[in-house]
Amino acid sequence: MYVVIFTAKLKQLDEGYYETAAKLKEVAFDQYNCIKFVSCTEGDSEISNSYWHSLEDIKNWKQHADHLQAQEKGKREWYESYEVQVSEVLREYKYSD
C-alpha cells in the first residue's frame, strides 16, 4: 500500500474548490482504486492523505484530465505553495473499541 501526502499553504478557497475536490475524490475511488482519503484543514494549512494499492494507480490518477486542470487552477488560485510526498506504508496499526 502507498500513501500520497499532500500538504498545502492555502490562499482564498471558493465554492469551486470544494466542488472540484468532491468530484476528484469520487473519481479517485471509482476509477483509480483509491483505498482511503483523509483531509484536514487548520487556518491556512491543509494536509490530505490518500491511500493506494499501487504506484501505477497513483501515476494514472495524477494524469487524469480533470486532475491536471485542478492542479493548474490550484497553482493559480487556491494554493500559495504545496508539497507532495509518495511513500510506501510498511506497517499499519489499528485500534477500535
Protein backbone atom coordinates (compact mmCIF):
# COMPACT_ATOMS: atom_id res chain seq x y z
CA MET A 1 0.00 0.00 0.00
CA TYR A 2 1.14 3.55 -0.75
CA VAL A 3 0.21 6.94 0.66
CA VAL A 4 0.26 10.29 -1.11
CA ILE A 5 0.73 13.08 1.42
CA PHE A 6 -0.36 16.46 0.06
CA THR A 7 0.48 19.45 2.26
CA ALA A 8 -0.53 22.96 1.19
CA LYS A 9 -0.50 26.55 2.33
CA LEU A 10 -3.84 27.94 1.23
CA LYS A 11 -4.87 31.17 -0.44
CA GLN A 12 -8.58 32.02 -0.56
CA LEU A 13 -10.77 28.96 -1.19
CA ASP A 14 -14.03 29.38 -3.07
CA GLU A 15 -17.04 27.14 -3.69
CA GLY A 16 -15.37 25.88 -6.87
CA TYR A 17 -12.55 24.45 -4.79
CA TYR A 18 -14.90 22.34 -2.68
CA GLU A 19 -16.89 21.19 -5.71
CA THR A 20 -13.71 20.22 -7.56
CA ALA A 21 -12.31 18.40 -4.53
CA ALA A 22 -15.50 16.37 -4.07
CA LYS A 23 -15.64 15.44 -7.76
CA LEU A 24 -11.98 14.43 -7.89
CA LYS A 25 -12.28 12.37 -4.72
CA GLU A 26 -15.15 10.43 -6.30
CA VAL A 27 -13.11 9.86 -9.47
CA ALA A 28 -10.11 8.67 -7.44
CA PHE A 29 -12.21 6.00 -5.73
CA ASP A 30 -14.31 4.99 -8.75
CA GLN A 31 -11.65 4.94 -11.48
CA TYR A 32 -8.24 4.67 -9.82
CA ASN A 33 -8.66 2.28 -6.89
CA CYS A 34 -8.08 4.79 -4.11
CA ILE A 35 -8.45 2.93 -0.81
CA LYS A 36 -8.92 5.77 1.67
CA PHE A 37 -8.80 9.57 1.73
CA VAL A 38 -8.36 11.75 4.82
CA SER A 39 -8.06 15.54 4.81
CA CYS A 40 -7.73 18.21 7.48
CA THR A 41 -7.60 22.00 7.27
CA GLU A 42 -6.49 24.31 10.06
CA GLY A 43 -6.10 28.01 9.41
CA ASP A 44 -4.27 28.38 6.11
CA SER A 45 -2.80 24.85 6.17
CA GLU A 46 -4.23 21.71 4.61
CA ILE A 47 -2.99 18.14 4.66
CA SER A 48 -4.59 15.34 2.68
CA ASN A 49 -3.55 11.71 2.74
CA SER A 50 -4.75 9.33 0.05
CA TYR A 51 -4.02 5.62 0.16
CA TRP A 52 -3.48 3.46 -2.93
CA HIS A 53 -2.80 -0.14 -3.92
CA SER A 54 -0.04 0.66 -6.42
CA LEU A 55 2.28 3.30 -7.79
CA GLU A 56 0.66 2.72 -11.18
CA ASP A 57 -2.74 3.77 -9.78
CA ILE A 58 -1.15 6.94 -8.37
CA LYS A 59 0.57 7.72 -11.68
CA ASN A 60 -2.64 7.23 -13.65
CA TRP A 61 -4.61 9.36 -11.18
CA LYS A 62 -2.05 12.17 -11.45
CA GLN A 63 -2.54 12.22 -15.24
CA HIS A 64 -6.36 12.27 -15.23
CA ALA A 65 -7.53 15.27 -17.31
CA ASP A 66 -9.73 16.81 -14.59
CA HIS A 67 -6.97 16.35 -12.03
CA LEU A 68 -4.45 18.08 -14.31
CA GLN A 69 -6.84 21.03 -14.73
CA ALA A 70 -7.37 21.22 -10.97
CA GLN A 71 -3.60 21.21 -10.40
CA GLU A 72 -3.19 24.23 -12.68
CA LYS A 73 -6.10 26.07 -11.10
CA GLY A 74 -4.69 25.27 -7.68
CA LYS A 75 -1.38 26.89 -8.60
CA ARG A 76 -3.16 29.99 -9.92
CA GLU A 77 -5.91 30.45 -7.34
CA TRP A 78 -6.06 28.11 -4.35
CA TYR A 79 -2.53 27.38 -3.12
CA GLU A 80 0.28 29.66 -2.08
CA SER A 81 2.52 26.58 -2.02
CA TYR A 82 2.24 22.82 -1.76
CA GLU A 83 4.32 19.70 -1.31
CA VAL A 84 3.61 16.11 -2.33
CA GLN A 85 5.24 13.02 -0.86
CA VAL A 86 4.64 9.46 -2.02
CA SER A 87 5.58 6.77 0.47
CA GLU A 88 5.16 3.06 0.90
CA VAL A 89 3.26 2.02 4.01
CA LEU A 90 5.38 -0.63 5.70
CA ARG A 91 3.12 -1.28 8.66
CA GLU A 92 -0.32 -0.26 9.78
CA TYR A 93 -1.69 -0.48 13.30
CA LYS A 94 -5.30 -0.01 14.31
CA TYR A 95 -7.36 0.12 17.44
CA SER A 96 -11.10 0.33 17.76
CA ASP A 97 -13.36 -0.18 20.71
